[in-house]
C-alpha atoms as a PDB file:
ATOM      1  CA  MET A   1      88.938  91.351 143.862  1.00  0.00           C
ATOM      2  CA  ASP A   2      85.144  91.307 144.134  1.00  0.00           C
ATOM      3  CA  LEU A   3      83.470  90.213 140.880  1.00  0.00           C
ATOM      4  CA  THR A   4      80.266  88.949 142.454  1.00  0.00           C
ATOM      5  CA  ASP A   5      78.074  91.348 140.465  1.00  0.00           C
ATOM      6  CA  PHE A   6      79.673  90.390 137.134  1.00  0.00           C
ATOM      7  CA  ASP A   7      77.901  88.180 134.585  1.00  0.00           C
ATOM      8  CA  ILE A   8      80.955  86.027 133.970  1.00  0.00           C
ATOM      9  CA  ILE A   9      81.287  83.786 130.944  1.00  0.00           C
ATOM     10  CA  ASP A  10      83.958  81.113 131.244  1.00  0.00           C
ATOM     11  CA  ALA A  11      85.042  81.009 127.613  1.00  0.00           C
ATOM     12  CA  HIS A  12      87.300  77.972 127.827  1.00  0.00           C
ATOM     13  CA  ILE A  13      86.374  74.760 129.624  1.00  0.00           C
ATOM     14  CA  HIS A  14      86.673  71.089 128.702  1.00  0.00           C
ATOM     15  CA  GLN A  15      84.286  68.216 129.318  1.00  0.00           C
ATOM     16  CA  TRP A  16      85.161  64.562 128.986  1.00  0.00           C
ATOM     17  CA  ASP A  17      84.402  61.048 130.103  1.00  0.00           C
ATOM     18  CA  PRO A  18      87.374  58.857 129.180  1.00  0.00           C
ATOM     19  CA  HIS A  19      85.493  55.760 130.338  1.00  0.00           C
ATOM     20  CA  ALA A  20      82.606  56.210 127.900  1.00  0.00           C
ATOM     21  CA  THR A  21      83.875  58.409 125.059  1.00  0.00           C
ATOM     22  CA  PRO A  22      86.877  57.994 122.731  1.00  0.00           C
ATOM     23  CA  ARG A  23      89.764  60.158 123.936  1.00  0.00           C
ATOM     24  CA  GLU A  24      93.509  60.052 123.483  1.00  0.00           C
ATOM     25  CA  PHE A  25      93.793  59.342 127.210  1.00  0.00           C
ATOM     26  CA  SER A  26      90.913  56.833 127.409  1.00  0.00           C
ATOM     27  CA  ARG A  27      93.109  53.741 127.347  1.00  0.00           C
ATOM     28  CA  MET A  28      95.032  54.729 130.461  1.00  0.00           C
ATOM     29  CA  ALA A  29      91.848  55.869 132.224  1.00  0.00           C
ATOM     30  CA  LYS A  30      90.129  52.549 131.548  1.00  0.00           C
ATOM     31  CA  LEU A  31      93.179  50.600 132.636  1.00  0.00           C
ATOM     32  CA  MET A  32      93.344  52.550 135.899  1.00  0.00           C
ATOM     33  CA  ARG A  33      89.668  51.868 136.481  1.00  0.00           C
ATOM     34  CA  TYR A  34      90.120  48.113 136.410  1.00  0.00           C
ATOM     35  CA  LEU A  35      93.679  47.944 137.750  1.00  0.00           C
ATOM     36  CA  PRO A  36      93.608  50.525 140.533  1.00  0.00           C
ATOM     37  CA  VAL A  37      97.313  51.271 140.707  1.00  0.00           C
ATOM     38  CA  PRO A  38      98.101  54.451 142.699  1.00  0.00           C
ATOM     39  CA  VAL A  39      98.029  57.371 140.277  1.00  0.00           C
ATOM     40  CA  ASP A  40     101.527  58.548 141.111  1.00  0.00           C
ATOM     41  CA  ILE A  41     102.965  55.137 140.305  1.00  0.00           C
ATOM     42  CA  ALA A  42     101.021  54.931 137.037  1.00  0.00           C
ATOM     43  CA  ALA A  43     102.170  58.415 136.081  1.00  0.00           C
ATOM     44  CA  LYS A  44     105.774  57.297 136.124  1.00  0.00           C
ATOM     45  CA  LEU A  45     105.004  54.991 133.206  1.00  0.00           C
ATOM     46  CA  ALA A  46     104.032  57.944 131.008  1.00  0.00           C
ATOM     47  CA  PRO A  47     106.585  59.824 128.882  1.00  0.00           C
ATOM     48  CA  ARG A  48     108.188  62.805 130.571  1.00  0.00           C
ATOM     49  CA  ARG A  49     106.599  65.207 128.083  1.00  0.00           C
ATOM     50  CA  ASP A  50     103.125  63.973 129.078  1.00  0.00           C
ATOM     51  CA  ARG A  51     103.901  64.255 132.780  1.00  0.00           C
ATOM     52  CA  GLU A  52     105.177  67.801 132.403  1.00  0.00           C
ATOM     53  CA  PHE A  53     102.194  68.832 130.295  1.00  0.00           C
ATOM     54  CA  VAL A  54      99.484  67.579 132.650  1.00  0.00           C
ATOM     55  CA  GLY A  55     101.277  68.228 135.963  1.00  0.00           C
ATOM     56  CA  ASP A  56      98.894  65.901 137.795  1.00  0.00           C
ATOM     57  CA  PRO A  57      97.083  63.261 135.681  1.00  0.00           C
ATOM     58  CA  THR A  58      94.161  62.849 138.074  1.00  0.00           C
ATOM     59  CA  ALA A  59      91.692  64.923 136.034  1.00  0.00           C
ATOM     60  CA  TYR A  60      92.490  62.981 132.853  1.00  0.00           C
ATOM     61  CA  LEU A  61      91.782  59.609 134.447  1.00  0.00           C
ATOM     62  CA  GLN A  62      88.169  60.274 135.388  1.00  0.00           C
ATOM     63  CA  PRO A  63      85.122  62.063 133.969  1.00  0.00           C
ATOM     64  CA  TYR A  64      84.944  65.840 134.101  1.00  0.00           C
ATOM     65  CA  LEU A  65      81.305  66.793 133.619  1.00  0.00           C
ATOM     66  CA  PRO A  66      79.001  69.742 134.475  1.00  0.00           C
ATOM     67  CA  ALA A  67      78.650  68.749 138.140  1.00  0.00           C
ATOM     68  CA  ASP A  68      82.438  68.524 138.480  1.00  0.00           C
ATOM     69  CA  TYR A  69      82.834  71.969 136.968  1.00  0.00           C
ATOM     70  CA  ARG A  70      80.142  73.331 139.286  1.00  0.00           C
ATOM     71  CA  ALA A  71      82.011  71.928 142.278  1.00  0.00           C
ATOM     72  CA  ASP A  72      85.220  73.620 141.093  1.00  0.00           C
ATOM     73  CA  LEU A  73      83.532  77.000 140.666  1.00  0.00           C
ATOM     74  CA  GLY A  74      83.361  77.768 144.368  1.00  0.00           C
ATOM     75  CA  ASN A  75      81.696  81.177 144.678  1.00  0.00           C
ATOM     76  CA  THR A  76      82.717  82.331 141.185  1.00  0.00           C
ATOM     77  CA  PRO A  77      79.564  83.774 139.539  1.00  0.00           C
ATOM     78  CA  VAL A  78      79.851  82.093 136.140  1.00  0.00           C
ATOM     79  CA  GLU A  79      76.657  82.452 134.136  1.00  0.00           C
ATOM     80  CA  SER A  80      77.563  80.392 131.072  1.00  0.00           C
ATOM     81  CA  VAL A  81      80.440  78.504 129.491  1.00  0.00           C
ATOM     82  CA  VAL A  82      82.112  77.877 126.156  1.00  0.00           C
ATOM     83  CA  GLU A  83      83.127  74.225 125.777  1.00  0.00           C
ATOM     84  CA  ILE A  84      86.252  73.509 123.745  1.00  0.00           C
ATOM     85  CA  GLU A  85      87.045  70.207 122.016  1.00  0.00           C
ATOM     86  CA  ALA A  86      89.413  67.858 123.815  1.00  0.00           C
ATOM     87  CA  GLU A  87      91.167  64.988 122.008  1.00  0.00           C
ATOM     88  CA  TRP A  88      88.114  63.099 120.743  1.00  0.00           C
ATOM     89  CA  THR A  89      89.435  60.277 118.560  1.00  0.00           C
ATOM     90  CA  GLY A  90      86.257  59.237 116.747  1.00  0.00           C
ATOM     91  CA  TRP A  91      84.051  61.095 114.243  1.00  0.00           C
ATOM     92  CA  LYS A  92      84.568  64.636 115.466  1.00  0.00           C
ATOM     93  CA  PRO A  93      80.956  65.895 115.231  1.00  0.00           C
ATOM     94  CA  ASP A  94      79.976  63.168 117.709  1.00  0.00           C
ATOM     95  CA  GLU A  95      81.804  65.179 120.370  1.00  0.00           C
ATOM     96  CA  THR A  96      79.646  68.214 119.611  1.00  0.00           C
ATOM     97  CA  ARG A  97      76.502  66.072 119.876  1.00  0.00           C
ATOM     98  CA  TRP A  98      77.736  64.567 123.158  1.00  0.00           C
ATOM     99  CA  VAL A  99      78.580  67.947 124.698  1.00  0.00           C
ATOM    100  CA  ALA A 100      75.182  69.337 123.696  1.00  0.00           C
ATOM    101  CA  SER A 101      73.525  66.470 125.575  1.00  0.00           C
ATOM    102  CA  LEU A 102      75.240  67.195 128.898  1.00  0.00           C
ATOM    103  CA  PRO A 103      73.135  68.553 131.804  1.00  0.00           C
ATOM    104  CA  PHE A 104      74.167  72.186 131.671  1.00  0.00           C
ATOM    105  CA  GLY A 105      71.826  74.918 132.844  1.00  0.00           C
ATOM    106  CA  VAL A 106      69.961  73.073 135.590  1.00  0.00           C
ATOM    107  CA  ASP A 107      72.017  73.672 138.715  1.00  0.00           C
ATOM    108  CA  THR A 108      75.056  74.490 136.607  1.00  0.00           C
ATOM    109  CA  PRO A 109      75.959  77.383 134.278  1.00  0.00           C
ATOM    110  CA  THR A 110      74.330  77.283 130.866  1.00  0.00           C
ATOM    111  CA  LEU A 111      76.166  76.050 127.795  1.00  0.00           C
ATOM    112  CA  ALA A 112      76.582  79.065 125.520  1.00  0.00           C
ATOM    113  CA  THR A 113      78.824  77.814 122.719  1.00  0.00           C
ATOM    114  CA  ILE A 114      80.538  74.649 121.508  1.00  0.00           C
ATOM    115  CA  ILE A 115      83.863  74.733 119.703  1.00  0.00           C
ATOM    116  CA  GLY A 116      84.421  71.462 117.898  1.00  0.00           C
ATOM    117  CA  ALA A 117      87.399  69.685 116.393  1.00  0.00           C
ATOM    118  CA  ALA A 118      88.130  69.734 112.676  1.00  0.00           C
ATOM    119  CA  ASP A 119      91.173  69.830 110.423  1.00  0.00           C
ATOM    120  CA  PRO A 120      91.043  72.356 107.566  1.00  0.00           C
ATOM    121  CA  ALA A 121      93.649  70.259 105.727  1.00  0.00           C
ATOM    122  CA  ALA A 122      91.377  67.206 105.613  1.00  0.00           C
ATOM    123  CA  ALA A 123      89.618  66.297 102.392  1.00  0.00           C
ATOM    124  CA  ASP A 124      86.269  65.999 104.221  1.00  0.00           C
ATOM    125  CA  PHE A 125      86.619  69.309 106.124  1.00  0.00           C
ATOM    126  CA  GLY A 126      83.430  70.802 104.667  1.00  0.00           C
ATOM    127  CA  ALA A 127      81.415  67.689 105.479  1.00  0.00           C
ATOM    128  CA  VAL A 128      82.769  67.701 109.043  1.00  0.00           C
ATOM    129  CA  LEU A 129      81.746  71.339 109.493  1.00  0.00           C
ATOM    130  CA  ASP A 130      78.260  70.617 108.157  1.00  0.00           C
ATOM    131  CA  ALA A 131      77.911  67.668 110.529  1.00  0.00           C
ATOM    132  CA  HIS A 132      78.993  69.794 113.497  1.00  0.00           C
ATOM    133  CA  GLN A 133      76.387  72.393 112.603  1.00  0.00           C
ATOM    134  CA  SER A 134      73.725  69.704 112.309  1.00  0.00           C
ATOM    135  CA  ALA A 135      74.747  68.249 115.669  1.00  0.00           C
ATOM    136  CA  SER A 136      73.997  71.442 117.608  1.00  0.00           C
ATOM    137  CA  PRO A 137      72.974  75.049 116.948  1.00  0.00           C
ATOM    138  CA  LEU A 138      75.490  76.003 119.662  1.00  0.00           C
ATOM    139  CA  PHE A 139      78.392  75.014 117.396  1.00  0.00           C
ATOM    140  CA  HIS A 140      80.117  78.257 116.364  1.00  0.00           C
ATOM    141  CA  GLY A 141      83.656  77.324 115.391  1.00  0.00           C
ATOM    142  CA  ILE A 142      86.561  74.911 115.487  1.00  0.00           C
ATOM    143  CA  ARG A 143      89.892  74.254 117.093  1.00  0.00           C
ATOM    144  CA  ALA A 144      92.518  72.223 115.260  1.00  0.00           C
ATOM    145  CA  MET A 145      95.246  70.466 117.235  1.00  0.00           C
ATOM    146  CA  VAL A 146      98.265  72.146 115.652  1.00  0.00           C
ATOM    147  CA  ALA A 147     100.415  72.953 118.717  1.00  0.00           C
ATOM    148  CA  TYR A 148     103.997  71.992 117.906  1.00  0.00           C
ATOM    149  CA  HIS A 149     107.143  72.535 119.954  1.00  0.00           C
ATOM    150  CA  PRO A 150     110.676  72.125 118.568  1.00  0.00           C
ATOM    151  CA  ASP A 151     111.932  70.662 121.849  1.00  0.00           C
ATOM    152  CA  PRO A 152     111.143  66.941 121.405  1.00  0.00           C
ATOM    153  CA  ALA A 153     110.740  66.562 125.175  1.00  0.00           C
ATOM    154  CA  VAL A 154     107.859  69.098 125.214  1.00  0.00           C
ATOM    155  CA  LYS A 155     104.516  67.543 124.274  1.00  0.00           C
ATOM    156  CA  SER A 156     103.413  68.377 120.734  1.00  0.00           C
ATOM    157  CA  PHE A 157      99.968  67.717 119.287  1.00  0.00           C
ATOM    158  CA  THR A 158     101.043  67.460 115.667  1.00  0.00           C
ATOM    159  CA  ALA A 159     104.024  65.728 114.148  1.00  0.00           C
ATOM    160  CA  HIS A 160     105.471  68.630 112.189  1.00  0.00           C
ATOM    161  CA  ASP A 161     105.842  72.396 112.338  1.00  0.00           C
ATOM    162  CA  GLY A 162     104.096  74.568 109.769  1.00  0.00           C
ATOM    163  CA  ALA A 163     100.619  73.017 110.042  1.00  0.00           C
ATOM    164  CA  LEU A 164      98.944  76.441 109.917  1.00  0.00           C
ATOM    165  CA  THR A 165     100.705  77.434 106.708  1.00  0.00           C
ATOM    166  CA  ALA A 166     100.517  74.101 104.841  1.00  0.00           C
ATOM    167  CA  PRO A 167      98.781  74.555 101.462  1.00  0.00           C
ATOM    168  CA  ALA A 168      95.990  72.087 102.243  1.00  0.00           C
ATOM    169  CA  PHE A 169      95.264  73.794 105.580  1.00  0.00           C
ATOM    170  CA  VAL A 170      95.137  77.226 103.971  1.00  0.00           C
ATOM    171  CA  ASP A 171      92.981  75.971 101.102  1.00  0.00           C
ATOM    172  CA  GLY A 172      90.423  74.544 103.512  1.00  0.00           C
ATOM    173  CA  PHE A 173      90.466  77.400 106.000  1.00  0.00           C
ATOM    174  CA  GLY A 174      88.321  79.653 103.810  1.00  0.00           C
ATOM    175  CA  GLN A 175      85.357  77.351 104.389  1.00  0.00           C
ATOM    176  CA  LEU A 176      85.098  78.808 107.894  1.00  0.00           C
ATOM    177  CA  ALA A 177      84.353  82.205 106.381  1.00  0.00           C
ATOM    178  CA  GLU A 178      81.752  80.689 104.044  1.00  0.00           C
ATOM    179  CA  ARG A 179      79.882  79.315 107.061  1.00  0.00           C
ATOM    180  CA  GLY A 180      80.423  82.257 109.431  1.00  0.00           C
ATOM    181  CA  LEU A 181      82.519  80.160 111.822  1.00  0.00           C
ATOM    182  CA  SER A 182      85.433  81.158 114.055  1.00  0.00           C
ATOM    183  CA  PHE A 183      88.837  79.594 114.659  1.00  0.00           C
ATOM    184  CA  GLU A 184      90.542  78.892 117.991  1.00  0.00           C
ATOM    185  CA  ALA A 185      94.303  79.065 117.520  1.00  0.00           C
ATOM    186  CA  TRP A 186      95.971  76.999 120.199  1.00  0.00           C
ATOM    187  CA  VAL A 187      99.682  77.010 119.466  1.00  0.00           C
ATOM    188  CA  TYR A 188     102.985  77.242 121.264  1.00  0.00           C
ATOM    189  CA  SER A 189     104.545  80.686 121.185  1.00  0.00           C
ATOM    190  CA  GLY A 190     107.039  79.830 118.443  1.00  0.00           C
ATOM    191  CA  GLN A 191     104.074  79.429 116.079  1.00  0.00           C
ATOM    192  CA  LEU A 192     102.655  82.913 116.657  1.00  0.00           C
ATOM    193  CA  PRO A 193     103.980  84.277 113.326  1.00  0.00           C
ATOM    194  CA  ASP A 194     102.013  81.524 111.556  1.00  0.00           C
ATOM    195  CA  VAL A 195      98.813  82.664 113.313  1.00  0.00           C
ATOM    196  CA  THR A 196      99.560  86.232 112.201  1.00  0.00           C
ATOM    197  CA  ALA A 197     100.022  85.098 108.590  1.00  0.00           C
ATOM    198  CA  LEU A 198      96.731  83.163 108.723  1.00  0.00           C
ATOM    199  CA  ALA A 199      94.845  86.120 110.211  1.00  0.00           C
ATOM    200  CA  GLU A 200      96.281  88.449 107.586  1.00  0.00           C
ATOM    201  CA  ARG A 201      95.285  86.122 104.751  1.00  0.00           C
ATOM    202  CA  PHE A 202      91.744  85.568 106.103  1.00  0.00           C
ATOM    203  CA  PRO A 203      90.622  88.882 107.677  1.00  0.00           C
ATOM    204  CA  GLU A 204      86.989  87.770 107.420  1.00  0.00           C
ATOM    205  CA  VAL A 205      87.520  84.819 109.827  1.00  0.00           C
ATOM    206  CA  PRO A 206      87.267  85.695 113.536  1.00  0.00           C
ATOM    207  CA  ILE A 207      90.271  84.167 115.307  1.00  0.00           C
ATOM    208  CA  VAL A 208      90.942  83.890 119.020  1.00  0.00           C
ATOM    209  CA  LEU A 209      94.430  83.156 120.313  1.00  0.00           C
ATOM    210  CA  ASP A 210      94.049  80.586 123.061  1.00  0.00           C
ATOM    211  CA  HIS A 211      96.107  80.905 126.237  1.00  0.00           C
ATOM    212  CA  LEU A 212      98.126  83.904 124.999  1.00  0.00           C
ATOM    213  CA  GLY A 213     100.131  81.565 122.803  1.00  0.00           C
ATOM    214  CA  THR A 214     101.321  79.135 125.514  1.00  0.00           C
ATOM    215  CA  PRO A 215     104.993  80.123 125.909  1.00  0.00           C
ATOM    216  CA  ALA A 216     106.141  76.764 127.309  1.00  0.00           C
ATOM    217  CA  GLY A 217     108.874  77.097 129.913  1.00  0.00           C
ATOM    218  CA  ILE A 218     108.436  80.798 130.516  1.00  0.00           C
ATOM    219  CA  PHE A 219     108.103  80.274 134.289  1.00  0.00           C
ATOM    220  CA  GLY A 220     110.474  77.346 134.731  1.00  0.00           C
ATOM    221  CA  PRO A 221     112.154  74.360 133.113  1.00  0.00           C
ATOM    222  CA  VAL A 222     110.279  71.956 130.853  1.00  0.00           C
ATOM    223  CA  GLY A 223     111.460  69.556 128.212  1.00  0.00           C
ATOM    224  CA  LYS A 224     115.098  68.951 127.394  1.00  0.00           C
ATOM    225  CA  ASP A 225     116.240  72.551 127.039  1.00  0.00           C
ATOM    226  CA  THR A 226     113.277  74.931 127.402  1.00  0.00           C
ATOM    227  CA  GLY A 227     113.165  77.543 130.152  1.00  0.00           C
ATOM    228  CA  HIS A 228     116.023  75.977 132.090  1.00  0.00           C
ATOM    229  CA  THR A 229     117.889  79.244 132.698  1.00  0.00           C
ATOM    230  CA  ALA A 230     116.892  82.816 133.430  1.00  0.00           C
ATOM    231  CA  ARG A 231     118.450  83.829 130.113  1.00  0.00           C
ATOM    232  CA  GLN A 232     116.369  81.283 128.200  1.00  0.00           C
ATOM    233  CA  ARG A 233     113.220  82.504 129.906  1.00  0.00           C
ATOM    234  CA  GLN A 234     114.010  86.141 129.117  1.00  0.00           C
ATOM    235  CA  VAL A 235     114.641  85.336 125.457  1.00  0.00           C
ATOM    236  CA  LEU A 236     111.380  83.394 125.387  1.00  0.00           C
ATOM    237  CA  PHE A 237     109.476  86.323 126.898  1.00  0.00           C
ATOM    238  CA  ASP A 238     111.054  88.849 124.527  1.00  0.00           C
ATOM    239  CA  ARG A 239     110.155  86.818 121.452  1.00  0.00           C
ATOM    240  CA  TRP A 240     106.652  86.147 122.789  1.00  0.00           C
ATOM    241  CA  ARG A 241     106.160  89.877 123.444  1.00  0.00           C
ATOM    242  CA  ASP A 242     107.243  90.876 119.933  1.00  0.00           C
ATOM    243  CA  ASP A 243     105.231  88.162 118.180  1.00  0.00           C
ATOM    244  CA  VAL A 244     102.086  88.904 120.201  1.00  0.00           C
ATOM    245  CA  THR A 245     102.465  92.574 119.296  1.00  0.00           C
ATOM    246  CA  ASP A 246     102.546  91.661 115.605  1.00  0.00           C
ATOM    247  CA  LEU A 247      99.524  89.393 115.960  1.00  0.00           C
ATOM    248  CA  ALA A 248      97.516  92.053 117.787  1.00  0.00           C
ATOM    249  CA  ALA A 249      97.864  94.301 114.720  1.00  0.00           C
ATOM    250  CA  GLN A 250      95.359  92.004 112.973  1.00  0.00           C
ATOM    251  CA  PRO A 251      91.903  93.374 113.866  1.00  0.00           C
ATOM    252  CA  ASN A 252      90.145  90.010 113.417  1.00  0.00           C
ATOM    253  CA  VAL A 253      92.136  88.465 116.292  1.00  0.00           C
ATOM    254  CA  LEU A 254      91.187  88.425 119.978  1.00  0.00           C
ATOM    255  CA  ALA A 255      93.243  86.854 122.760  1.00  0.00           C
ATOM    256  CA  LYS A 256      92.200  84.611 125.618  1.00  0.00           C
ATOM    257  CA  VAL A 257      93.725  85.416 128.986  1.00  0.00           C
ATOM    258  CA  SER A 258      93.329  81.746 129.780  1.00  0.00           C
ATOM    259  CA  GLY A 259      95.553  78.745 130.292  1.00  0.00           C
ATOM    260  CA  LEU A 260      98.128  80.887 132.087  1.00  0.00           C
ATOM    261  CA  MET A 261      98.337  78.273 134.835  1.00  0.00           C
ATOM    262  CA  MET A 262      99.065  75.321 132.545  1.00  0.00           C
ATOM    263  CA  PRO A 263     101.870  73.204 134.014  1.00  0.00           C
ATOM    264  CA  VAL A 264     103.724  73.238 130.665  1.00  0.00           C
ATOM    265  CA  LEU A 265     104.483  76.925 131.191  1.00  0.00           C
ATOM    266  CA  GLY A 266     106.932  75.812 133.869  1.00  0.00           C
ATOM    267  CA  HIS A 267     104.829  76.315 136.994  1.00  0.00           C
ATOM    268  CA  PRO A 268     106.009  74.139 139.878  1.00  0.00           C
ATOM    269  CA  VAL A 269     103.139  71.766 140.689  1.00  0.00           C
ATOM    270  CA  PRO A 270     101.988  72.130 144.309  1.00  0.00           C
ATOM    271  CA  PRO A 271     100.895  69.108 146.360  1.00  0.00           C
ATOM    272  CA  ARG A 272      97.668  67.534 145.092  1.00  0.00           C
ATOM    273  CA  GLY A 273      94.623  69.288 146.484  1.00  0.00           C
ATOM    274  CA  THR A 274      96.403  72.600 147.083  1.00  0.00           C
ATOM    275  CA  SER A 275      96.768  75.711 144.949  1.00  0.00           C
ATOM    276  CA  THR A 276      99.595  78.096 144.177  1.00  0.00           C
ATOM    277  CA  PRO A 277      99.060  81.328 146.174  1.00  0.00           C
ATOM    278  CA  VAL A 278      97.561  84.112 144.068  1.00  0.00           C
ATOM    279  CA  PRO A 279     100.414  86.574 144.803  1.00  0.00           C
ATOM    280  CA  THR A 280     102.870  83.979 143.471  1.00  0.00           C
ATOM    281  CA  LEU A 281     100.795  83.521 140.323  1.00  0.00           C
ATOM    282  CA  LEU A 282     100.566  87.277 139.879  1.00  0.00           C
ATOM    283  CA  GLY A 283     104.327  87.582 139.978  1.00  0.00           C
ATOM    284  CA  ARG A 284     104.532  85.157 137.068  1.00  0.00           C
ATOM    285  CA  VAL A 285     101.565  86.035 134.866  1.00  0.00           C
ATOM    286  CA  GLY A 286     101.408  89.780 135.536  1.00  0.00           C
ATOM    287  CA  PRO A 287     103.843  90.805 132.764  1.00  0.00           C
ATOM    288  CA  LEU A 288     101.995  88.683 130.197  1.00  0.00           C
ATOM    289  CA  LEU A 289      98.653  90.164 131.181  1.00  0.00           C
ATOM    290  CA  ALA A 290     100.016  93.711 131.101  1.00  0.00           C
ATOM    291  CA  HIS A 291     101.414  93.274 127.603  1.00  0.00           C
ATOM    292  CA  ALA A 292      98.238  91.620 126.328  1.00  0.00           C
ATOM    293  CA  LEU A 293      96.172  94.515 127.638  1.00  0.00           C
ATOM    294  CA  THR A 294      98.527  97.027 126.017  1.00  0.00           C
ATOM    295  CA  VAL A 295      98.508  95.512 122.529  1.00  0.00           C
ATOM    296  CA  PHE A 296      95.020  94.010 122.289  1.00  0.00           C
ATOM    297  CA  GLY A 297      93.146  96.500 124.438  1.00  0.00           C
ATOM    298  CA  ALA A 298      90.284  95.671 126.758  1.00  0.00           C
ATOM    299  CA  ASP A 299      87.886  95.132 123.832  1.00  0.00           C
ATOM    300  CA  ARG A 300      89.848  92.126 122.531  1.00  0.00           C
ATOM    301  CA  LEU A 301      90.563  90.073 125.656  1.00  0.00           C
ATOM    302  CA  ILE A 302      88.484  87.080 126.774  1.00  0.00           C
ATOM    303  CA  TRP A 303      88.828  85.152 130.033  1.00  0.00           C
ATOM    304  CA  GLY A 304      88.578  81.380 130.342  1.00  0.00           C
ATOM    305  CA  SER A 305      89.490  79.009 133.167  1.00  0.00           C
ATOM    306  CA  ASN A 306      90.865  76.192 130.989  1.00  0.00           C
ATOM    307  CA  PHE A 307      89.538  73.762 133.574  1.00  0.00           C
ATOM    308  CA  PRO A 308      90.330  71.092 134.426  1.00  0.00           C
ATOM    309  CA  VAL A 309      93.695  71.434 132.625  1.00  0.00           C
ATOM    310  CA  ASP A 310      94.846  74.280 134.903  1.00  0.00           C
ATOM    311  CA  LYS A 311      93.549  72.584 138.052  1.00  0.00           C
ATOM    312  CA  PRO A 312      96.916  71.149 139.201  1.00  0.00           C
ATOM    313  CA  ILE A 313      98.238  74.706 139.628  1.00  0.00           C
ATOM    314  CA  THR A 314      95.273  76.733 140.871  1.00  0.00           C
ATOM    315  CA  SER A 315      91.548  76.854 141.568  1.00  0.00           C
ATOM    316  CA  ILE A 316      89.028  78.694 139.400  1.00  0.00           C
ATOM    317  CA  VAL A 317      88.692  81.235 142.203  1.00  0.00           C
ATOM    318  CA  GLY A 318      92.466  81.706 142.187  1.00  0.00           C
ATOM    319  CA  ALA A 319      92.603  81.988 138.397  1.00  0.00           C
ATOM    320  CA  VAL A 320      89.910  84.666 138.366  1.00  0.00           C
ATOM    321  CA  GLU A 321      91.620  86.585 141.149  1.00  0.00           C
ATOM    322  CA  ALA A 322      95.030  86.419 139.475  1.00  0.00           C
ATOM    323  CA  VAL A 323      93.804  87.513 136.040  1.00  0.00           C
ATOM    324  CA  ALA A 324      91.457  90.223 137.328  1.00  0.00           C
ATOM    325  CA  THR A 325      94.107  91.649 139.638  1.00  0.00           C
ATOM    326  CA  GLY A 326      96.813  91.439 136.981  1.00  0.00           C
ATOM    327  CA  LEU A 327      94.683  93.294 134.448  1.00  0.00           C
ATOM    328  CA  SER A 328      93.616  95.855 137.049  1.00  0.00           C
ATOM    329  CA  ASP A 329      97.230  96.454 138.073  1.00  0.00           C
ATOM    330  CA  ALA A 330      98.004  97.013 134.383  1.00  0.00           C
ATOM    331  CA  GLY A 331      95.374  99.753 134.154  1.00  0.00           C
ATOM    332  CA  ALA A 332      92.112  97.933 133.357  1.00  0.00           C
ATOM    333  CA  SER A 333      88.987  99.625 134.696  1.00  0.00           C
ATOM    334  CA  THR A 334      85.934  97.869 136.110  1.00  0.00           C
ATOM    335  CA  ASP A 335      84.226  98.273 132.730  1.00  0.00           C
ATOM    336  CA  ASP A 336      87.287  96.755 131.064  1.00  0.00           C
ATOM    337  CA  LEU A 337      87.083  93.752 133.379  1.00  0.00           C
ATOM    338  CA  ARG A 338      83.395  93.305 132.570  1.00  0.00           C
ATOM    339  CA  LYS A 339      84.364  93.078 128.906  1.00  0.00           C
ATOM    340  CA  ALA A 340      87.172  90.589 129.486  1.00  0.00           C
ATOM    341  CA  PHE A 341      85.112  88.413 131.815  1.00  0.00           C
ATOM    342  CA  GLY A 342      81.962  88.320 129.711  1.00  0.00           C
ATOM    343  CA  GLY A 343      81.081  91.055 127.253  1.00  0.00           C
ATOM    344  CA  ASN A 344      83.744  90.287 124.692  1.00  0.00           C
ATOM    345  CA  ALA A 345      82.843  86.598 124.692  1.00  0.00           C
ATOM    346  CA  VAL A 346      79.200  87.492 124.008  1.00  0.00           C
ATOM    347  CA  ARG A 347      80.296  89.480 120.965  1.00  0.00           C
ATOM    348  CA  PHE A 348      82.911  87.060 119.641  1.00  0.00           C
ATOM    349  CA  TYR A 349      80.821  83.899 120.027  1.00  0.00           C
ATOM    350  CA  ARG A 350      77.517  85.637 119.202  1.00  0.00           C
ATOM    351  CA  ILE A 351      76.001  84.378 122.450  1.00  0.00           C
ATOM    352  CA  GLU A 352      72.260  84.828 122.694  1.00  0.00           C
ATOM    353  CA  PRO A 353      70.897  86.237 125.987  1.00  0.00           C
ATOM    354  CA  THR A 354      69.421  83.656 128.349  1.00  0.00           C
ATOM    355  CA  THR A 355      65.759  83.857 129.265  1.00  0.00           C
END
C-alpha cells in the first residue's frame, strides 16, 4: 500500500544505550561487550520468559539511537516520532533529559513527544512528574510498567496483579489530570478490565492502550500453558475481543495499533536478518485490527512501530504495510488511514506543527 504522501508519525519507538545509560538489560549488554560470546550462546543463559519476550536479544545488547531508527525506516515517510520510556533504572526524569538530548531532526525524523516513566503509587510521584516536565517541554505523559501475566513462564514487569487498581496507584493517578498529562497503558490482555475501571474513574485523563492490550500467545505458544492449543488461542481472542469492546466504550481511551509483531504474542521468530512475509502477518493480525477499527473507530486509533522491540519479526516497512492493509481490508478509507498514521497522534499528544 502506497503511503508515500502521508505525514506519518511513529507514535511508539524506544531509544536506549545499555552501555552508557542504566537499563534493566545493561548488565548483560556490558558483559557481552567485554566478553564477546556469540549472542545465541549467551541467550541460552537467560530465563525462558526473557527469551520468548525478546525473540532475538540482539537489539537489547547494543545502542538503539536516532541513526539506527533512520536506518530501519527504509522508505517509510515518517515525519516525527513519539519516544516511550524503556526500563531506565535510575532517577526516571534523567531518561527524559537524555532522550531530549538525542540528535533527532537533523537527518532523522523530529522528536515530537516524550513519554516518561513514573509510578502513580510512589510517594514522590508528583515530584517525579514535575522533574520530567522540567527536563523537557516535549514531556506529555507517562507509562508505568504494570504488565503482569498469570503464567509464571511469561515475562511480567511487575510482581503482582492488580497494580492499576491498587489504592496508592489510584490515589496518585489524579495528579496526571492536574498537570494535563496522559497515560500509556501497557498491559497484558487479562488486565484490560483494570484499564477500563481506571478510565471510567478518571474520564479527564487521556489514556492510550498500547499494543491493543498485548494478548500474549494469541498467535502461538508462549510460557508454560499460554496459547499452546487452538482452543486456548480462541478463548484468548474471545476474551480479548469482549474486553477491548468494553474499554472502547470509554471516550477518553484511544488504542495503538502497535506492537502487533511482538514475539510474546506467539509469532515464530524468523532467521536473524529476515522478516515474516506481510501476507503471513496479515493472516494473524487482521482480525485484531478489524475489531479495533469496529469498536474504537478511525478517530481513536494510533499507529506505532514499537521498534526495535518488533524488529525480530518484521521490518518497519512490513509493519506499516500489514497494519495499513489490515485496516483497509476492514473498511478504513484513505482519510481514516491518515488519521491512524498521523492525525490522531497529533491530537492526542498535542503535537505542535514543525516549521
